[in-house]
Amino acid sequence: MSTQLNELKADKVVDARGTACPGPLLEAKRAMASVPMGGIMEVLSSDEGTNEDIPLWAKKVGHEYLGNIAEAGYWRIFVKRNK
């Protein structure tokens, strides 16, 4: 799955590394407005809680959580805008 995620080209990248919860989620919420319908947002976060927060938020508001990739010291989290 991470191979497929690595091949995704994000329409918007949110670099929230170094911010603690709820910072990455708040930045992702704000940034989603600038992602085109059907587009992909990639969130970079060093806060482990973001791996739970983003999928829950995406499901709640109707977007599609695509998965995450663990990098050295942070995660790359992918969400598709559906509405």
PDB file of N, CA and C in Angstrom:
ATOM      1  N   MET A   1       0.819  -1.199   0.000  1.00  0.00           N
ATOM      2  CA  MET A   1       0.000   0.000   0.000  1.00  0.00           C
ATOM      3  C   MET A   1       0.865   1.266   0.000  1.00  0.00           C
ATOM      4  N   SER A   2       1.965   1.259   0.752  1.00  0.00           N
ATOM      5  CA  SER A   2       2.807   2.458   0.798  1.00  0.00           C
ATOM      6  C   SER A   2       3.426   2.753  -0.560  1.00  0.00           C
ATOM      7  N   THR A   3       3.639   1.714  -1.388  1.00  0.00           N
ATOM      8  CA  THR A   3       4.169   1.949  -2.732  1.00  0.00           C
ATOM      9  C   THR A   3       3.181   2.778  -3.535  1.00  0.00           C
ATOM     10  N   GLN A   4       1.888   2.435  -3.451  1.00  0.00           N
ATOM     11  CA  GLN A   4       0.869   3.197  -4.165  1.00  0.00           C
ATOM     12  C   GLN A   4       0.774   4.620  -3.627  1.00  0.00           C
ATOM     13  N   LEU A   5       0.850   4.770  -2.318  1.00  0.00           N
ATOM     14  CA  LEU A   5       0.788   6.106  -1.728  1.00  0.00           C
ATOM     15  C   LEU A   5       1.978   6.951  -2.164  1.00  0.00           C
ATOM     16  N   ASN A   6       3.156   6.340  -2.253  1.00  0.00           N
ATOM     17  CA  ASN A   6       4.347   7.068  -2.691  1.00  0.00           C
ATOM     18  C   ASN A   6       4.198   7.616  -4.095  1.00  0.00           C
ATOM     19  N   GLU A   7       3.352   6.971  -4.895  1.00  0.00           N
ATOM     20  CA  GLU A   7       3.170   7.391  -6.285  1.00  0.00           C
ATOM     21  C   GLU A   7       2.131   8.496  -6.433  1.00  0.00           C
ATOM     22  N   LEU A   8       1.389   8.791  -5.369  1.00  0.00           N
ATOM     23  CA  LEU A   8       0.370   9.842  -5.436  1.00  0.00           C
ATOM     24  C   LEU A   8       1.022  11.215  -5.581  1.00  0.00           C
ATOM     25  N   LYS A   9       0.394  12.052  -6.375  1.00  0.00           N
ATOM     26  CA  LYS A   9       0.821  13.441  -6.519  1.00  0.00           C
ATOM     27  C   LYS A   9      -0.215  14.297  -5.803  1.00  0.00           C
ATOM     28  N   ALA A  10       0.175  14.863  -4.680  1.00  0.00           N
ATOM     29  CA  ALA A  10      -0.750  15.664  -3.881  1.00  0.00           C
ATOM     30  C   ALA A  10      -1.019  17.010  -4.548  1.00  0.00           C
ATOM     31  N   ASP A  11      -2.285  17.430  -4.498  1.00  0.00           N
ATOM     32  CA  ASP A  11      -2.663  18.758  -4.984  1.00  0.00           C
ATOM     33  C   ASP A  11      -2.290  19.818  -3.957  1.00  0.00           C
ATOM     34  N   LYS A  12      -2.212  19.416  -2.689  1.00  0.00           N
ATOM     35  CA  LYS A  12      -1.859  20.331  -1.603  1.00  0.00           C
ATOM     36  C   LYS A  12      -1.061  19.560  -0.570  1.00  0.00           C
ATOM     37  N   VAL A  13       0.079  20.118  -0.141  1.00  0.00           N
ATOM     38  CA  VAL A  13       0.882  19.518   0.921  1.00  0.00           C
ATOM     39  C   VAL A  13       0.853  20.453   2.120  1.00  0.00           C
ATOM     40  N   VAL A  14       0.463  19.909   3.268  1.00  0.00           N
ATOM     41  CA  VAL A  14       0.417  20.669   4.510  1.00  0.00           C
ATOM     42  C   VAL A  14       1.561  20.174   5.389  1.00  0.00           C
ATOM     43  N   ASP A  15       2.530  21.046   5.642  1.00  0.00           N
ATOM     44  CA  ASP A  15       3.663  20.663   6.486  1.00  0.00           C
ATOM     45  C   ASP A  15       3.387  21.121   7.912  1.00  0.00           C
ATOM     46  N   ALA A  16       2.894  20.180   8.733  1.00  0.00           N
ATOM     47  CA  ALA A  16       2.561  20.488  10.130  1.00  0.00           C
ATOM     48  C   ALA A  16       3.554  19.845  11.086  1.00  0.00           C
ATOM     49  N   ARG A  17       4.745  19.488  10.562  1.00  0.00           N
ATOM     50  CA  ARG A  17       5.764  18.892  11.432  1.00  0.00           C
ATOM     51  C   ARG A  17       6.168  19.897  12.500  1.00  0.00           C
ATOM     52  N   GLY A  18       6.349  19.398  13.724  1.00  0.00           N
ATOM     53  CA  GLY A  18       6.756  20.259  14.817  1.00  0.00           C
ATOM     54  C   GLY A  18       5.590  20.878  15.575  1.00  0.00           C
ATOM     55  N   THR A  19       4.365  20.680  15.107  1.00  0.00           N
ATOM     56  CA  THR A  19       3.212  21.181  15.845  1.00  0.00           C
ATOM     57  C   THR A  19       2.527  20.016  16.551  1.00  0.00           C
ATOM     58  N   ALA A  20       2.004  20.300  17.730  1.00  0.00           N
ATOM     59  CA  ALA A  20       1.345  19.267  18.526  1.00  0.00           C
ATOM     60  C   ALA A  20      -0.158  19.304  18.288  1.00  0.00           C
ATOM     61  N   CYS A  21      -0.810  18.236  18.639  1.00  0.00           N
ATOM     62  CA  CYS A  21      -2.256  18.113  18.543  1.00  0.00           C
ATOM     63  C   CYS A  21      -2.904  19.285  19.286  1.00  0.00           C
ATOM     64  N   PRO A  22      -3.898  19.942  18.729  1.00  0.00           N
ATOM     65  CA  PRO A  22      -4.608  19.646  17.488  1.00  0.00           C
ATOM     66  C   PRO A  22      -4.084  20.405  16.269  1.00  0.00           C
ATOM     67  N   GLY A  23      -2.879  20.956  16.336  1.00  0.00           N
ATOM     68  CA  GLY A  23      -2.331  21.761  15.237  1.00  0.00           C
ATOM     69  C   GLY A  23      -2.406  21.137  13.855  1.00  0.00           C
ATOM     70  N   PRO A  24      -1.880  19.910  13.666  1.00  0.00           N
ATOM     71  CA  PRO A  24      -1.920  19.317  12.326  1.00  0.00           C
ATOM     72  C   PRO A  24      -3.338  19.152  11.776  1.00  0.00           C
ATOM     73  N   LEU A  25      -4.271  18.772  12.637  1.00  0.00           N
ATOM     74  CA  LEU A  25      -5.657  18.606  12.191  1.00  0.00           C
ATOM     75  C   LEU A  25      -6.257  19.951  11.788  1.00  0.00           C
ATOM     76  N   LEU A  26      -6.013  20.980  12.586  1.00  0.00           N
ATOM     77  CA  LEU A  26      -6.542  22.301  12.261  1.00  0.00           C
ATOM     78  C   LEU A  26      -5.961  22.820  10.946  1.00  0.00           C
ATOM     79  N   GLU A  27      -4.673  22.608  10.738  1.00  0.00           N
ATOM     80  CA  GLU A  27      -4.048  23.032   9.482  1.00  0.00           C
ATOM     81  C   GLU A  27      -4.633  22.267   8.298  1.00  0.00           C
ATOM     82  N   ALA A  28      -4.892  20.963   8.494  1.00  0.00           N
ATOM     83  CA  ALA A  28      -5.482  20.146   7.430  1.00  0.00           C
ATOM     84  C   ALA A  28      -6.889  20.630   7.097  1.00  0.00           C
ATOM     85  N   LYS A  29      -7.678  20.934   8.110  1.00  0.00           N
ATOM     86  CA  LYS A  29      -9.043  21.427   7.880  1.00  0.00           C
ATOM     87  C   LYS A  29      -9.032  22.710   7.062  1.00  0.00           C
ATOM     88  N   ARG A  30      -8.150  23.642   7.434  1.00  0.00           N
ATOM     89  CA  ARG A  30      -8.050  24.913   6.701  1.00  0.00           C
ATOM     90  C   ARG A  30      -7.603  24.691   5.263  1.00  0.00           C
ATOM     91  N   ALA A  31      -6.631  23.814   5.078  1.00  0.00           N
ATOM     92  CA  ALA A  31      -6.043  23.613   3.748  1.00  0.00           C
ATOM     93  C   ALA A  31      -6.977  22.883   2.790  1.00  0.00           C
ATOM     94  N   MET A  32      -7.879  22.052   3.317  1.00  0.00           N
ATOM     95  CA  MET A  32      -8.741  21.260   2.439  1.00  0.00           C
ATOM     96  C   MET A  32      -9.576  22.143   1.515  1.00  0.00           C
ATOM     97  N   ALA A  33      -9.904  23.354   1.934  1.00  0.00           N
ATOM     98  CA  ALA A  33     -10.696  24.260   1.095  1.00  0.00           C
ATOM     99  C   ALA A  33      -9.987  24.603  -0.212  1.00  0.00           C
ATOM    100  N   SER A  34      -8.655  24.524  -0.227  1.00  0.00           N
ATOM    101  CA  SER A  34      -7.911  24.868  -1.445  1.00  0.00           C
ATOM    102  C   SER A  34      -7.576  23.642  -2.299  1.00  0.00           C
ATOM    103  N   VAL A  35      -8.062  22.473  -1.884  1.00  0.00           N
ATOM    104  CA  VAL A  35      -7.843  21.242  -2.664  1.00  0.00           C
ATOM    105  C   VAL A  35      -9.024  21.082  -3.609  1.00  0.00           C
ATOM    106  N   PRO A  36      -8.777  20.848  -4.911  1.00  0.00           N
ATOM    107  CA  PRO A  36      -9.897  20.677  -5.841  1.00  0.00           C
ATOM    108  C   PRO A  36     -10.704  19.415  -5.520  1.00  0.00           C
ATOM    109  N   MET A  37     -11.974  19.414  -5.906  1.00  0.00           N
ATOM    110  CA  MET A  37     -12.820  18.251  -5.704  1.00  0.00           C
ATOM    111  C   MET A  37     -12.171  17.025  -6.338  1.00  0.00           C
ATOM    112  N   GLY A  38     -12.055  15.951  -5.574  1.00  0.00           N
ATOM    113  CA  GLY A  38     -11.400  14.739  -6.067  1.00  0.00           C
ATOM    114  C   GLY A  38      -9.885  14.785  -5.945  1.00  0.00           C
ATOM    115  N   GLY A  39      -9.366  15.907  -5.438  1.00  0.00           N
ATOM    116  CA  GLY A  39      -7.922  16.080  -5.302  1.00  0.00           C
ATOM    117  C   GLY A  39      -7.388  15.431  -4.031  1.00  0.00           C
ATOM    118  N   ILE A  40      -6.077  15.390  -3.937  1.00  0.00           N
ATOM    119  CA  ILE A  40      -5.387  14.742  -2.819  1.00  0.00           C
ATOM    120  C   ILE A  40      -4.652  15.777  -1.976  1.00  0.00           C
ATOM    121  N   MET A  41      -4.828  15.652  -0.657  1.00  0.00           N
ATOM    122  CA  MET A  41      -4.059  16.467   0.283  1.00  0.00           C
ATOM    123  C   MET A  41      -3.108  15.542   1.033  1.00  0.00           C
ATOM    124  N   GLU A  42      -1.868  15.971   1.162  1.00  0.00           N
ATOM    125  CA  GLU A  42      -0.875  15.226   1.929  1.00  0.00           C
ATOM    126  C   GLU A  42      -0.518  16.059   3.151  1.00  0.00           C
ATOM    127  N   VAL A  43      -0.636  15.462   4.341  1.00  0.00           N
ATOM    128  CA  VAL A  43      -0.306  16.144   5.585  1.00  0.00           C
ATOM    129  C   VAL A  43       0.972  15.533   6.140  1.00  0.00           C
ATOM    130  N   LEU A  44       1.973  16.365   6.407  1.00  0.00           N
ATOM    131  CA  LEU A  44       3.212  15.917   7.037  1.00  0.00           C
ATOM    132  C   LEU A  44       3.107  16.259   8.516  1.00  0.00           C
ATOM    133  N   SER A  45       3.218  15.249   9.377  1.00  0.00           N
ATOM    134  CA  SER A  45       3.051  15.493  10.807  1.00  0.00           C
ATOM    135  C   SER A  45       4.011  14.651  11.626  1.00  0.00           C
ATOM    136  N   SER A  46       4.587  15.281  12.638  1.00  0.00           N
ATOM    137  CA  SER A  46       5.460  14.556  13.563  1.00  0.00           C
ATOM    138  C   SER A  46       4.690  14.160  14.828  1.00  0.00           C
ATOM    139  N   ASP A  47       3.410  14.517  14.896  1.00  0.00           N
ATOM    140  CA  ASP A  47       2.570  14.183  16.048  1.00  0.00           C
ATOM    141  C   ASP A  47       1.823  12.878  15.767  1.00  0.00           C
ATOM    142  N   GLU A  48       2.128  11.836  16.542  1.00  0.00           N
ATOM    143  CA  GLU A  48       1.556  10.513  16.301  1.00  0.00           C
ATOM    144  C   GLU A  48       0.036  10.506  16.356  1.00  0.00           C
ATOM    145  N   GLY A  49      -0.555  11.354  17.169  1.00  0.00           N
ATOM    146  CA  GLY A  49      -2.012  11.420  17.286  1.00  0.00           C
ATOM    147  C   GLY A  49      -2.707  11.793  15.995  1.00  0.00           C
ATOM    148  N   THR A  50      -1.984  12.449  15.097  1.00  0.00           N
ATOM    149  CA  THR A  50      -2.564  12.840  13.814  1.00  0.00           C
ATOM    150  C   THR A  50      -2.997  11.613  13.019  1.00  0.00           C
ATOM    151  N   ASN A  51      -2.327  10.477  13.215  1.00  0.00           N
ATOM    152  CA  ASN A  51      -2.683   9.248  12.500  1.00  0.00           C
ATOM    153  C   ASN A  51      -4.067   8.742  12.883  1.00  0.00           C
ATOM    154  N   GLU A  52      -4.571   9.167  14.042  1.00  0.00           N
ATOM    155  CA  GLU A  52      -5.936   8.823  14.445  1.00  0.00           C
ATOM    156  C   GLU A  52      -6.897   9.967  14.121  1.00  0.00           C
ATOM    157  N   ASP A  53      -6.438  11.201  14.343  1.00  0.00           N
ATOM    158  CA  ASP A  53      -7.307  12.370  14.162  1.00  0.00           C
ATOM    159  C   ASP A  53      -7.741  12.571  12.716  1.00  0.00           C
ATOM    160  N   ILE A  54      -6.805  12.494  11.784  1.00  0.00           N
ATOM    161  CA  ILE A  54      -7.122  12.778  10.382  1.00  0.00           C
ATOM    162  C   ILE A  54      -8.130  11.764   9.807  1.00  0.00           C
ATOM    163  N   PRO A  55      -7.920  10.435   9.986  1.00  0.00           N
ATOM    164  CA  PRO A  55      -8.917   9.499   9.449  1.00  0.00           C
ATOM    165  C   PRO A  55     -10.314   9.702  10.044  1.00  0.00           C
ATOM    166  N   LEU A  56     -10.402   9.979  11.344  1.00  0.00           N
ATOM    167  CA  LEU A  56     -11.706  10.210  11.982  1.00  0.00           C
ATOM    168  C   LEU A  56     -12.369  11.457  11.411  1.00  0.00           C
ATOM    169  N   TRP A  57     -11.603  12.526  11.263  1.00  0.00           N
ATOM    170  CA  TRP A  57     -12.134  13.765  10.698  1.00  0.00           C
ATOM    171  C   TRP A  57     -12.579  13.546   9.253  1.00  0.00           C
ATOM    172  N   ALA A  58     -11.755  12.878   8.464  1.00  0.00           N
ATOM    173  CA  ALA A  58     -12.086  12.646   7.055  1.00  0.00           C
ATOM    174  C   ALA A  58     -13.408  11.892   6.923  1.00  0.00           C
ATOM    175  N   LYS A  59     -13.573  10.832   7.701  1.00  0.00           N
ATOM    176  CA  LYS A  59     -14.806  10.051   7.655  1.00  0.00           C
ATOM    177  C   LYS A  59     -16.001  10.892   8.077  1.00  0.00           C
ATOM    178  N   LYS A  60     -15.830  11.682   9.117  1.00  0.00           N
ATOM    179  CA  LYS A  60     -16.915  12.495   9.662  1.00  0.00           C
ATOM    180  C   LYS A  60     -17.434  13.515   8.651  1.00  0.00           C
ATOM    181  N   VAL A  61     -16.522  14.121   7.894  1.00  0.00           N
ATOM    182  CA  VAL A  61     -16.936  15.181   6.963  1.00  0.00           C
ATOM    183  C   VAL A  61     -17.111  14.703   5.517  1.00  0.00           C
ATOM    184  N   GLY A  62     -16.866  13.428   5.262  1.00  0.00           N
ATOM    185  CA  GLY A  62     -17.135  12.884   3.927  1.00  0.00           C
ATOM    186  C   GLY A  62     -15.956  12.824   2.978  1.00  0.00           C
ATOM    187  N   HIS A  63     -14.738  12.958   3.483  1.00  0.00           N
ATOM    188  CA  HIS A  63     -13.560  12.790   2.635  1.00  0.00           C
ATOM    189  C   HIS A  63     -13.064  11.351   2.770  1.00  0.00           C
ATOM    190  N   GLU A  64     -12.115  10.967   1.946  1.00  0.00           N
ATOM    191  CA  GLU A  64     -11.607   9.597   1.962  1.00  0.00           C
ATOM    192  C   GLU A  64     -10.161   9.555   2.458  1.00  0.00           C
ATOM    193  N   TYR A  65      -9.964   8.896   3.585  1.00  0.00           N
ATOM    194  CA  TYR A  65      -8.608   8.682   4.116  1.00  0.00           C
ATOM    195  C   TYR A  65      -7.966   7.592   3.279  1.00  0.00           C
ATOM    196  N   LEU A  66      -6.799   7.886   2.704  1.00  0.00           N
ATOM    197  CA  LEU A  66      -6.141   6.931   1.808  1.00  0.00           C
ATOM    198  C   LEU A  66      -5.044   6.122   2.490  1.00  0.00           C
ATOM    199  N   GLY A  67      -4.519   6.619   3.622  1.00  0.00           N
ATOM    200  CA  GLY A  67      -3.464   5.901   4.326  1.00  0.00           C
ATOM    201  C   GLY A  67      -2.326   6.822   4.701  1.00  0.00           C
ATOM    202  N   ASN A  68      -1.300   6.225   5.310  1.00  0.00           N
ATOM    203  CA  ASN A  68      -0.140   7.018   5.693  1.00  0.00           C
ATOM    204  C   ASN A  68       1.146   6.237   5.464  1.00  0.00           C
ATOM    205  N   ILE A  69       2.237   6.966   5.422  1.00  0.00           N
ATOM    206  CA  ILE A  69       3.572   6.396   5.251  1.00  0.00           C
ATOM    207  C   ILE A  69       4.435   6.929   6.389  1.00  0.00           C
ATOM    208  N   ALA A  70       5.088   6.040   7.107  1.00  0.00           N
ATOM    209  CA  ALA A  70       6.003   6.463   8.174  1.00  0.00           C
ATOM    210  C   ALA A  70       7.350   6.810   7.558  1.00  0.00           C
ATOM    211  N   GLU A  71       7.818   8.007   7.845  1.00  0.00           N
ATOM    212  CA  GLU A  71       9.143   8.453   7.426  1.00  0.00           C
ATOM    213  C   GLU A  71       9.991   8.586   8.688  1.00  0.00           C
ATOM    214  N   ALA A  72      11.221   9.032   8.547  1.00  0.00           N
ATOM    215  CA  ALA A  72      12.104   9.209   9.711  1.00  0.00           C
ATOM    216  C   ALA A  72      11.650  10.422  10.516  1.00  0.00           C
ATOM    217  N   GLY A  73      10.933  10.193  11.613  1.00  0.00           N
ATOM    218  CA  GLY A  73      10.528  11.273  12.495  1.00  0.00           C
ATOM    219  C   GLY A  73       9.195  11.927  12.184  1.00  0.00           C
ATOM    220  N   TYR A  74       8.512  11.481  11.143  1.00  0.00           N
ATOM    221  CA  TYR A  74       7.198  12.050  10.823  1.00  0.00           C
ATOM    222  C   TYR A  74       6.398  11.092   9.954  1.00  0.00           C
ATOM    223  N   TRP A  75       5.126  11.444   9.733  1.00  0.00           N
ATOM    224  CA  TRP A  75       4.244  10.638   8.884  1.00  0.00           C
ATOM    225  C   TRP A  75       3.746  11.480   7.734  1.00  0.00           C
ATOM    226  N   ARG A  76       3.487  10.809   6.618  1.00  0.00           N
ATOM    227  CA  ARG A  76       2.848  11.413   5.450  1.00  0.00           C
ATOM    228  C   ARG A  76       1.442  10.809   5.387  1.00  0.00           C
ATOM    229  N   ILE A  77       0.431  11.649   5.537  1.00  0.00           N
ATOM    230  CA  ILE A  77      -0.954  11.202   5.626  1.00  0.00           C
ATOM    231  C   ILE A  77      -1.714  11.737   4.416  1.00  0.00           C
ATOM    232  N   PHE A  78      -2.447  10.850   3.748  1.00  0.00           N
ATOM    233  CA  PHE A  78      -3.114  11.196   2.495  1.00  0.00           C
ATOM    234  C   PHE A  78      -4.633  11.158   2.624  1.00  0.00           C
ATOM    235  N   VAL A  79      -5.286  12.223   2.143  1.00  0.00           N
ATOM    236  CA  VAL A  79      -6.749  12.323   2.181  1.00  0.00           C
ATOM    237  C   VAL A  79      -7.234  12.827   0.828  1.00  0.00           C
ATOM    238  N   LYS A  80      -8.296  12.196   0.315  1.00  0.00           N
ATOM    239  CA  LYS A  80      -8.911  12.617  -0.952  1.00  0.00           C
ATOM    240  C   LYS A  80     -10.142  13.452  -0.638  1.00  0.00           C
ATOM    241  N   ARG A  81     -10.256  14.611  -1.280  1.00  0.00           N
ATOM    242  CA  ARG A  81     -11.418  15.481  -1.060  1.00  0.00           C
ATOM    243  C   ARG A  81     -12.606  14.959  -1.846  1.00  0.00           C
ATOM    244  N   ASN A  82     -13.700  14.707  -1.141  1.00  0.00           N
ATOM    245  CA  ASN A  82     -14.904  14.185  -1.790  1.00  0.00           C
ATOM    246  C   ASN A  82     -16.074  15.159  -1.793  1.00  0.00           C
ATOM    247  N   LYS A  83     -15.990  16.251  -1.035  1.00  0.00           N
ATOM    248  CA  LYS A  83     -17.112  17.186  -1.038  1.00  0.00           C
ATOM    249  C   LYS A  83     -16.661  18.597  -0.738  1.00  0.00           C
TER     250      LYS A  83
END
